[in-house]
Amino acid sequence: MIVRAAREQDLPGLLGLAAQVEHWFGPMVGDPGFRGAVDKHVRRSSALVAVSSDVALLGGLLFSAKPPVHHVRWLVVSEQARGEGVGRALMSDAMNRFVRGPGTVEVVTFGADHPGASASGARAFYERLGFTPAEVVEPGPEGGSRQVFRLDLTARPR
């Protein structure tokens, strides 16, 4: 597996990944706002993809930073690659590539009562990376609960 900056030609694959998780997050593929966000991150080189040796898209991540606060805007791993370290590899690359100095990394993920919370493994994934649950935020477009998870980087050596 290789993690690299996403390219324009990766857009169909990223939208394909989005389609795999719309049942948890609500409509994305047909949403011009989502597609615009993906395009913007690709142009700014703040979108990453994980690809297999046969160039299959295994996962994608959109990241933004306004130090000292950094944001995982979207992270998805293909259904067939979940549990194989793809998400961890994307997060590791993003942290090394985009995060400088102390601060925090935030991600909005499922609330504890959301059906996708356990089915996707997202909450447990972020906790294994050292994130802690924080404040509850507005529900997602599908109506499901959402919560911020935060990673404190104040003691992180660089």
N, C-alpha and C. Protein backbone atom coordinates (compact mmCIF):
# COMPACT_ATOMS: atom_id res chain seq x y z
N MET A 1 0.85 -1.19 0.00
CA MET A 1 0.00 0.00 0.00
C MET A 1 0.89 1.24 0.00
N ILE A 2 0.45 2.21 -0.78
CA ILE A 2 1.14 3.50 -0.87
C ILE A 2 0.13 4.58 -0.51
N VAL A 3 0.55 5.54 0.32
CA VAL A 3 -0.26 6.72 0.61
C VAL A 3 0.40 7.87 -0.13
N ARG A 4 -0.41 8.61 -0.88
CA ARG A 4 0.11 9.73 -1.66
C ARG A 4 -0.95 10.82 -1.73
N ALA A 5 -0.52 11.99 -2.20
CA ALA A 5 -1.48 13.07 -2.45
C ALA A 5 -2.44 12.63 -3.55
N ALA A 6 -3.70 12.94 -3.35
CA ALA A 6 -4.71 12.62 -4.36
C ALA A 6 -4.50 13.48 -5.60
N ARG A 7 -4.86 12.90 -6.73
CA ARG A 7 -4.77 13.60 -8.02
C ARG A 7 -6.17 13.73 -8.60
N GLU A 8 -6.30 14.59 -9.57
CA GLU A 8 -7.60 14.80 -10.21
C GLU A 8 -8.21 13.49 -10.71
N GLN A 9 -7.38 12.61 -11.23
CA GLN A 9 -7.89 11.34 -11.75
C GLN A 9 -8.38 10.39 -10.64
N ASP A 10 -8.12 10.72 -9.38
CA ASP A 10 -8.61 9.92 -8.26
C ASP A 10 -10.05 10.28 -7.88
N LEU A 11 -10.58 11.38 -8.42
CA LEU A 11 -11.91 11.83 -8.04
C LEU A 11 -12.98 10.76 -8.19
N PRO A 12 -13.08 10.04 -9.31
CA PRO A 12 -14.10 8.99 -9.40
C PRO A 12 -13.96 7.94 -8.30
N GLY A 13 -12.74 7.57 -7.99
CA GLY A 13 -12.51 6.59 -6.93
C GLY A 13 -12.91 7.12 -5.57
N LEU A 14 -12.62 8.39 -5.30
CA LEU A 14 -13.04 9.00 -4.02
C LEU A 14 -14.55 9.05 -3.91
N LEU A 15 -15.22 9.38 -5.02
CA LEU A 15 -16.68 9.39 -5.01
C LEU A 15 -17.23 7.98 -4.83
N GLY A 16 -16.55 6.99 -5.39
CA GLY A 16 -16.94 5.60 -5.18
C GLY A 16 -16.83 5.20 -3.72
N LEU A 17 -15.78 5.65 -3.05
CA LEU A 17 -15.64 5.40 -1.61
C LEU A 17 -16.77 6.08 -0.84
N ALA A 18 -17.09 7.31 -1.23
CA ALA A 18 -18.18 8.03 -0.57
C ALA A 18 -19.49 7.27 -0.70
N ALA A 19 -19.73 6.69 -1.86
CA ALA A 19 -20.97 5.95 -2.09
C ALA A 19 -21.08 4.76 -1.14
N GLN A 20 -19.95 4.18 -0.75
CA GLN A 20 -19.97 3.04 0.16
C GLN A 20 -20.43 3.39 1.57
N VAL A 21 -20.36 4.67 1.95
CA VAL A 21 -20.69 5.04 3.33
C VAL A 21 -21.87 6.02 3.43
N GLU A 22 -22.55 6.25 2.31
CA GLU A 22 -23.69 7.18 2.35
C GLU A 22 -24.80 6.69 3.27
N HIS A 23 -24.92 5.40 3.47
CA HIS A 23 -25.97 4.90 4.37
C HIS A 23 -25.71 5.34 5.81
N TRP A 24 -24.47 5.69 6.15
CA TRP A 24 -24.15 6.20 7.48
C TRP A 24 -24.12 7.72 7.53
N PHE A 25 -23.63 8.35 6.47
CA PHE A 25 -23.39 9.79 6.49
C PHE A 25 -24.43 10.63 5.77
N GLY A 26 -25.25 10.00 4.98
CA GLY A 26 -26.18 10.75 4.15
C GLY A 26 -25.58 10.99 2.78
N PRO A 27 -26.34 11.62 1.89
CA PRO A 27 -25.91 11.81 0.50
C PRO A 27 -24.63 12.63 0.39
N MET A 28 -23.71 12.12 -0.39
CA MET A 28 -22.46 12.84 -0.66
C MET A 28 -22.17 12.89 -2.15
N VAL A 29 -22.27 11.76 -2.83
CA VAL A 29 -21.84 11.67 -4.22
C VAL A 29 -22.55 12.69 -5.10
N GLY A 30 -23.85 12.87 -4.92
CA GLY A 30 -24.60 13.82 -5.73
C GLY A 30 -24.66 15.21 -5.14
N ASP A 31 -24.01 15.43 -4.01
CA ASP A 31 -24.02 16.72 -3.33
C ASP A 31 -22.92 17.62 -3.90
N PRO A 32 -23.28 18.72 -4.57
CA PRO A 32 -22.26 19.60 -5.14
C PRO A 32 -21.29 20.15 -4.08
N GLY A 33 -21.78 20.35 -2.86
CA GLY A 33 -20.91 20.85 -1.80
C GLY A 33 -19.82 19.85 -1.45
N PHE A 34 -20.19 18.59 -1.38
CA PHE A 34 -19.20 17.55 -1.08
C PHE A 34 -18.19 17.44 -2.22
N ARG A 35 -18.70 17.37 -3.43
CA ARG A 35 -17.79 17.25 -4.58
C ARG A 35 -16.87 18.46 -4.66
N GLY A 36 -17.39 19.64 -4.39
CA GLY A 36 -16.56 20.85 -4.38
C GLY A 36 -15.49 20.79 -3.31
N ALA A 37 -15.84 20.25 -2.13
CA ALA A 37 -14.85 20.12 -1.06
C ALA A 37 -13.74 19.15 -1.46
N VAL A 38 -14.12 18.04 -2.09
CA VAL A 38 -13.11 17.08 -2.54
C VAL A 38 -12.21 17.73 -3.59
N ASP A 39 -12.81 18.40 -4.57
CA ASP A 39 -12.02 19.09 -5.61
C ASP A 39 -11.05 20.10 -4.98
N LYS A 40 -11.54 20.89 -4.04
CA LYS A 40 -10.70 21.91 -3.38
C LYS A 40 -9.53 21.26 -2.66
N HIS A 41 -9.79 20.19 -1.92
CA HIS A 41 -8.70 19.53 -1.20
C HIS A 41 -7.69 18.91 -2.17
N VAL A 42 -8.16 18.35 -3.27
CA VAL A 42 -7.23 17.79 -4.25
C VAL A 42 -6.35 18.90 -4.82
N ARG A 43 -6.96 20.02 -5.21
CA ARG A 43 -6.19 21.15 -5.77
C ARG A 43 -5.17 21.69 -4.77
N ARG A 44 -5.53 21.70 -3.50
CA ARG A 44 -4.64 22.24 -2.45
C ARG A 44 -3.65 21.19 -1.92
N SER A 45 -3.69 20.01 -2.48
CA SER A 45 -2.83 18.90 -2.03
C SER A 45 -3.06 18.54 -0.57
N SER A 46 -4.30 18.72 -0.11
CA SER A 46 -4.66 18.33 1.26
C SER A 46 -5.62 17.15 1.26
N ALA A 47 -5.64 16.42 0.16
CA ALA A 47 -6.38 15.16 0.05
C ALA A 47 -5.35 14.06 -0.16
N LEU A 48 -5.51 12.97 0.56
CA LEU A 48 -4.62 11.83 0.44
C LEU A 48 -5.41 10.61 0.00
N VAL A 49 -4.75 9.70 -0.67
CA VAL A 49 -5.34 8.42 -1.02
C VAL A 49 -4.36 7.32 -0.65
N ALA A 50 -4.93 6.17 -0.33
CA ALA A 50 -4.14 4.96 -0.14
C ALA A 50 -4.48 4.05 -1.30
N VAL A 51 -3.46 3.58 -1.98
CA VAL A 51 -3.67 2.71 -3.14
C VAL A 51 -2.90 1.41 -2.94
N SER A 52 -3.45 0.34 -3.50
CA SER A 52 -2.79 -0.96 -3.43
C SER A 52 -1.79 -1.08 -4.57
N SER A 53 -1.05 -2.16 -4.56
CA SER A 53 -0.05 -2.37 -5.61
C SER A 53 -0.69 -2.46 -6.99
N ASP A 54 -1.96 -2.87 -7.05
CA ASP A 54 -2.64 -2.91 -8.34
C ASP A 54 -3.43 -1.63 -8.61
N VAL A 55 -3.12 -0.58 -7.87
CA VAL A 55 -3.65 0.77 -8.02
C VAL A 55 -5.14 0.88 -7.66
N ALA A 56 -5.65 -0.07 -6.92
CA ALA A 56 -7.02 0.06 -6.43
C ALA A 56 -7.03 1.08 -5.29
N LEU A 57 -8.05 1.92 -5.27
CA LEU A 57 -8.17 2.92 -4.22
C LEU A 57 -8.71 2.25 -2.96
N LEU A 58 -7.91 2.27 -1.89
CA LEU A 58 -8.27 1.62 -0.64
C LEU A 58 -8.89 2.58 0.36
N GLY A 59 -8.54 3.86 0.25
CA GLY A 59 -9.08 4.83 1.19
C GLY A 59 -8.71 6.24 0.78
N GLY A 60 -9.37 7.19 1.43
CA GLY A 60 -9.11 8.60 1.16
C GLY A 60 -9.29 9.44 2.41
N LEU A 61 -8.64 10.58 2.43
CA LEU A 61 -8.69 11.48 3.58
C LEU A 61 -8.61 12.92 3.09
N LEU A 62 -9.43 13.78 3.68
CA LEU A 62 -9.36 15.22 3.43
C LEU A 62 -8.94 15.87 4.74
N PHE A 63 -7.98 16.78 4.68
CA PHE A 63 -7.39 17.37 5.89
C PHE A 63 -7.30 18.87 5.72
N SER A 64 -7.49 19.60 6.80
CA SER A 64 -7.26 21.04 6.76
C SER A 64 -6.58 21.46 8.05
N ALA A 65 -5.86 22.55 7.97
CA ALA A 65 -5.13 23.02 9.14
C ALA A 65 -5.15 24.53 9.21
N LYS A 66 -5.49 25.00 10.38
CA LYS A 66 -5.33 26.41 10.73
C LYS A 66 -4.71 26.37 12.12
N PRO A 67 -3.37 26.10 12.14
CA PRO A 67 -2.71 25.91 13.43
C PRO A 67 -3.09 27.00 14.42
N PRO A 68 -3.32 26.57 15.64
CA PRO A 68 -2.97 25.28 16.23
C PRO A 68 -4.05 24.20 16.10
N VAL A 69 -5.11 24.45 15.32
CA VAL A 69 -6.18 23.45 15.18
C VAL A 69 -6.11 22.84 13.79
N HIS A 70 -6.15 21.52 13.75
CA HIS A 70 -6.10 20.76 12.50
C HIS A 70 -7.37 19.92 12.45
N HIS A 71 -7.86 19.67 11.23
CA HIS A 71 -9.13 18.95 11.08
C HIS A 71 -9.03 17.81 10.08
N VAL A 72 -9.47 16.64 10.52
CA VAL A 72 -9.72 15.54 9.59
C VAL A 72 -11.13 15.82 9.08
N ARG A 73 -11.27 16.22 7.84
CA ARG A 73 -12.56 16.59 7.28
C ARG A 73 -13.36 15.38 6.81
N TRP A 74 -12.62 14.33 6.39
CA TRP A 74 -13.29 13.13 5.87
C TRP A 74 -12.25 12.04 5.78
N LEU A 75 -12.59 10.88 6.26
CA LEU A 75 -11.72 9.72 6.17
C LEU A 75 -12.59 8.52 5.89
N VAL A 76 -12.26 7.80 4.83
CA VAL A 76 -13.04 6.61 4.48
C VAL A 76 -12.08 5.53 3.97
N VAL A 77 -12.41 4.31 4.34
CA VAL A 77 -11.66 3.14 3.88
C VAL A 77 -12.65 2.24 3.16
N SER A 78 -12.23 1.69 2.03
CA SER A 78 -13.12 0.83 1.26
C SER A 78 -13.57 -0.36 2.10
N GLU A 79 -14.77 -0.84 1.81
CA GLU A 79 -15.34 -1.95 2.57
C GLU A 79 -14.38 -3.13 2.64
N GLN A 80 -13.77 -3.48 1.53
CA GLN A 80 -12.92 -4.67 1.51
C GLN A 80 -11.59 -4.47 2.19
N ALA A 81 -11.18 -3.24 2.49
CA ALA A 81 -9.88 -2.99 3.10
C ALA A 81 -9.97 -2.60 4.58
N ARG A 82 -11.16 -2.53 5.13
CA ARG A 82 -11.30 -2.14 6.54
C ARG A 82 -10.63 -3.16 7.45
N GLY A 83 -9.97 -2.66 8.48
CA GLY A 83 -9.28 -3.52 9.42
C GLY A 83 -7.89 -3.95 8.98
N GLU A 84 -7.40 -3.39 7.87
CA GLU A 84 -6.09 -3.78 7.34
C GLU A 84 -5.03 -2.70 7.50
N GLY A 85 -5.31 -1.65 8.29
CA GLY A 85 -4.31 -0.61 8.54
C GLY A 85 -4.35 0.56 7.59
N VAL A 86 -5.33 0.60 6.70
CA VAL A 86 -5.41 1.69 5.71
C VAL A 86 -5.70 3.02 6.40
N GLY A 87 -6.69 3.05 7.29
CA GLY A 87 -7.02 4.29 8.00
C GLY A 87 -5.84 4.79 8.82
N ARG A 88 -5.17 3.89 9.50
CA ARG A 88 -3.99 4.25 10.31
C ARG A 88 -2.90 4.83 9.42
N ALA A 89 -2.68 4.22 8.25
CA ALA A 89 -1.65 4.72 7.33
C ALA A 89 -2.00 6.11 6.81
N LEU A 90 -3.27 6.32 6.47
CA LEU A 90 -3.70 7.66 6.02
C LEU A 90 -3.50 8.69 7.12
N MET A 91 -3.90 8.35 8.34
CA MET A 91 -3.75 9.30 9.46
C MET A 91 -2.27 9.58 9.75
N SER A 92 -1.44 8.57 9.73
CA SER A 92 -0.02 8.75 9.98
C SER A 92 0.60 9.68 8.94
N ASP A 93 0.28 9.45 7.68
CA ASP A 93 0.82 10.30 6.62
C ASP A 93 0.32 11.74 6.78
N ALA A 94 -0.97 11.90 7.08
CA ALA A 94 -1.53 13.25 7.25
C ALA A 94 -0.84 13.97 8.41
N MET A 95 -0.63 13.27 9.50
CA MET A 95 0.02 13.90 10.67
C MET A 95 1.44 14.33 10.31
N ASN A 96 2.17 13.49 9.61
CA ASN A 96 3.54 13.83 9.23
C ASN A 96 3.60 14.91 8.17
N ARG A 97 2.65 14.93 7.29
CA ARG A 97 2.64 15.85 6.16
C ARG A 97 2.11 17.24 6.53
N PHE A 98 1.06 17.30 7.36
CA PHE A 98 0.33 18.55 7.55
C PHE A 98 0.45 19.19 8.93
N VAL A 99 0.85 18.44 9.94
CA VAL A 99 0.82 18.96 11.31
C VAL A 99 2.21 19.41 11.72
N ARG A 100 2.29 20.66 12.14
CA ARG A 100 3.54 21.24 12.63
C ARG A 100 3.27 21.86 13.99
N GLY A 101 4.08 21.51 14.96
CA GLY A 101 3.99 22.14 16.27
C GLY A 101 2.85 21.62 17.11
N PRO A 102 2.73 22.18 18.29
CA PRO A 102 1.67 21.77 19.21
C PRO A 102 0.30 22.25 18.74
N GLY A 103 -0.72 21.67 19.30
CA GLY A 103 -2.09 22.06 18.96
C GLY A 103 -3.02 20.89 19.17
N THR A 104 -4.06 20.84 18.35
CA THR A 104 -5.02 19.74 18.43
C THR A 104 -5.41 19.31 17.02
N VAL A 105 -5.82 18.06 16.93
CA VAL A 105 -6.43 17.54 15.70
C VAL A 105 -7.85 17.16 16.07
N GLU A 106 -8.80 17.61 15.29
CA GLU A 106 -10.21 17.33 15.56
C GLU A 106 -10.84 16.61 14.39
N VAL A 107 -11.78 15.75 14.71
CA VAL A 107 -12.58 15.08 13.71
C VAL A 107 -13.99 14.96 14.26
N VAL A 108 -14.98 15.16 13.41
CA VAL A 108 -16.37 14.94 13.79
C VAL A 108 -16.75 13.56 13.29
N THR A 109 -17.17 12.70 14.20
CA THR A 109 -17.57 11.35 13.83
C THR A 109 -18.92 11.04 14.47
N PHE A 110 -19.30 9.79 14.39
CA PHE A 110 -20.59 9.37 14.89
C PHE A 110 -20.72 9.57 16.39
N GLY A 111 -21.92 9.95 16.83
CA GLY A 111 -22.23 9.93 18.25
C GLY A 111 -22.34 8.48 18.71
N ALA A 112 -22.26 8.27 20.02
CA ALA A 112 -22.26 6.90 20.57
C ALA A 112 -23.51 6.11 20.19
N ASP A 113 -24.65 6.81 20.00
CA ASP A 113 -25.90 6.11 19.71
C ASP A 113 -26.17 5.92 18.21
N HIS A 114 -25.27 6.39 17.35
CA HIS A 114 -25.46 6.28 15.90
C HIS A 114 -25.20 4.84 15.47
N PRO A 115 -26.05 4.28 14.59
CA PRO A 115 -25.82 2.91 14.12
C PRO A 115 -24.45 2.69 13.49
N GLY A 116 -23.89 3.71 12.87
CA GLY A 116 -22.58 3.58 12.25
C GLY A 116 -21.44 3.60 13.24
N ALA A 117 -21.70 3.98 14.49
CA ALA A 117 -20.63 4.10 15.47
C ALA A 117 -19.91 2.78 15.69
N SER A 118 -20.66 1.71 15.86
CA SER A 118 -20.01 0.42 16.05
C SER A 118 -19.80 -0.30 14.73
N ALA A 119 -20.75 -0.19 13.81
CA ALA A 119 -20.63 -0.90 12.53
C ALA A 119 -19.40 -0.44 11.75
N SER A 120 -19.09 0.84 11.79
CA SER A 120 -17.95 1.35 11.05
C SER A 120 -16.66 1.21 11.83
N GLY A 121 -16.76 1.17 13.14
CA GLY A 121 -15.57 1.12 13.98
C GLY A 121 -14.89 2.47 14.12
N ALA A 122 -15.53 3.55 13.66
CA ALA A 122 -14.88 4.86 13.63
C ALA A 122 -14.50 5.36 15.02
N ARG A 123 -15.40 5.28 15.97
CA ARG A 123 -15.10 5.78 17.32
C ARG A 123 -13.93 5.01 17.93
N ALA A 124 -13.96 3.70 17.83
CA ALA A 124 -12.87 2.88 18.38
C ALA A 124 -11.55 3.18 17.65
N PHE A 125 -11.63 3.39 16.35
CA PHE A 125 -10.44 3.72 15.55
C PHE A 125 -9.78 4.98 16.08
N TYR A 126 -10.56 6.05 16.24
CA TYR A 126 -9.96 7.30 16.71
C TYR A 126 -9.45 7.17 18.14
N GLU A 127 -10.14 6.44 18.97
CA GLU A 127 -9.67 6.24 20.34
C GLU A 127 -8.33 5.49 20.34
N ARG A 128 -8.17 4.50 19.48
CA ARG A 128 -6.88 3.77 19.40
C ARG A 128 -5.75 4.70 18.97
N LEU A 129 -6.09 5.75 18.22
CA LEU A 129 -5.07 6.72 17.79
C LEU A 129 -4.80 7.79 18.86
N GLY A 130 -5.50 7.72 19.98
CA GLY A 130 -5.27 8.67 21.06
C GLY A 130 -6.27 9.82 21.14
N PHE A 131 -7.26 9.84 20.26
CA PHE A 131 -8.31 10.87 20.30
C PHE A 131 -9.22 10.58 21.49
N THR A 132 -9.80 11.64 22.04
CA THR A 132 -10.77 11.48 23.11
C THR A 132 -12.08 12.12 22.70
N PRO A 133 -13.20 11.52 23.11
CA PRO A 133 -14.50 12.12 22.79
C PRO A 133 -14.62 13.49 23.45
N ALA A 134 -15.20 14.43 22.73
CA ALA A 134 -15.39 15.80 23.24
C ALA A 134 -16.86 16.16 23.08
N GLU A 135 -17.12 17.39 22.70
CA GLU A 135 -18.50 17.89 22.66
C GLU A 135 -19.33 17.26 21.54
N VAL A 136 -20.62 17.16 21.82
CA VAL A 136 -21.60 16.73 20.83
C VAL A 136 -21.88 17.92 19.92
N VAL A 137 -22.05 17.65 18.62
CA VAL A 137 -22.35 18.71 17.66
C VAL A 137 -23.65 18.40 16.94
N GLU A 138 -24.03 19.27 16.02
CA GLU A 138 -25.28 19.09 15.27
C GLU A 138 -25.33 17.74 14.58
N PRO A 139 -26.51 17.18 14.45
CA PRO A 139 -26.65 15.89 13.74
C PRO A 139 -26.19 16.01 12.29
N GLY A 140 -25.84 14.88 11.71
CA GLY A 140 -25.45 14.83 10.31
C GLY A 140 -26.64 14.98 9.39
N PRO A 141 -26.41 15.07 8.10
CA PRO A 141 -27.50 15.27 7.14
C PRO A 141 -28.53 14.15 7.14
N GLU A 142 -28.13 12.96 7.57
CA GLU A 142 -29.07 11.85 7.63
C GLU A 142 -29.83 11.84 8.95
N GLY A 143 -29.50 12.80 9.86
CA GLY A 143 -30.19 12.91 11.14
C GLY A 143 -29.50 12.22 12.29
N GLY A 144 -28.40 11.53 12.03
CA GLY A 144 -27.70 10.80 13.09
C GLY A 144 -26.82 11.70 13.94
N SER A 145 -26.61 11.27 15.17
CA SER A 145 -25.82 12.07 16.11
C SER A 145 -24.35 12.12 15.68
N ARG A 146 -23.69 13.21 16.08
CA ARG A 146 -22.28 13.44 15.77
C ARG A 146 -21.57 13.95 17.03
N GLN A 147 -20.28 13.65 17.11
CA GLN A 147 -19.47 14.09 18.24
C GLN A 147 -18.06 14.40 17.75
N VAL A 148 -17.47 15.43 18.35
CA VAL A 148 -16.08 15.77 18.07
C VAL A 148 -15.19 14.80 18.84
N PHE A 149 -14.14 14.34 18.18
CA PHE A 149 -13.06 13.62 18.84
C PHE A 149 -11.82 14.49 18.68
N ARG A 150 -11.02 14.61 19.74
CA ARG A 150 -9.90 15.55 19.73
C ARG A 150 -8.62 14.85 20.20
N LEU A 151 -7.54 15.15 19.50
CA LEU A 151 -6.22 14.66 19.86
C LEU A 151 -5.38 15.85 20.28
N ASP A 152 -4.88 15.82 21.49
CA ASP A 152 -4.05 16.91 22.03
C ASP A 152 -2.60 16.69 21.60
N LEU A 153 -2.05 17.66 20.91
CA LEU A 153 -0.68 17.55 20.41
C LEU A 153 0.29 18.40 21.19
N THR A 154 -0.10 18.93 22.33
CA THR A 154 0.80 19.85 23.05
C THR A 154 2.10 19.20 23.48
N ALA A 155 2.06 17.91 23.74
CA ALA A 155 3.28 17.21 24.17
C ALA A 155 3.93 16.46 23.02
N ARG A 156 3.43 16.64 21.83
CA ARG A 156 3.95 15.88 20.69
C ARG A 156 5.31 16.43 20.23
N PRO A 157 6.32 15.59 20.23
CA PRO A 157 7.62 16.04 19.75
C PRO A 157 7.62 16.16 18.22
N ARG A 158 8.32 17.13 17.70
CA ARG A 158 8.46 17.31 16.25
C ARG A 158 9.90 17.50 15.90
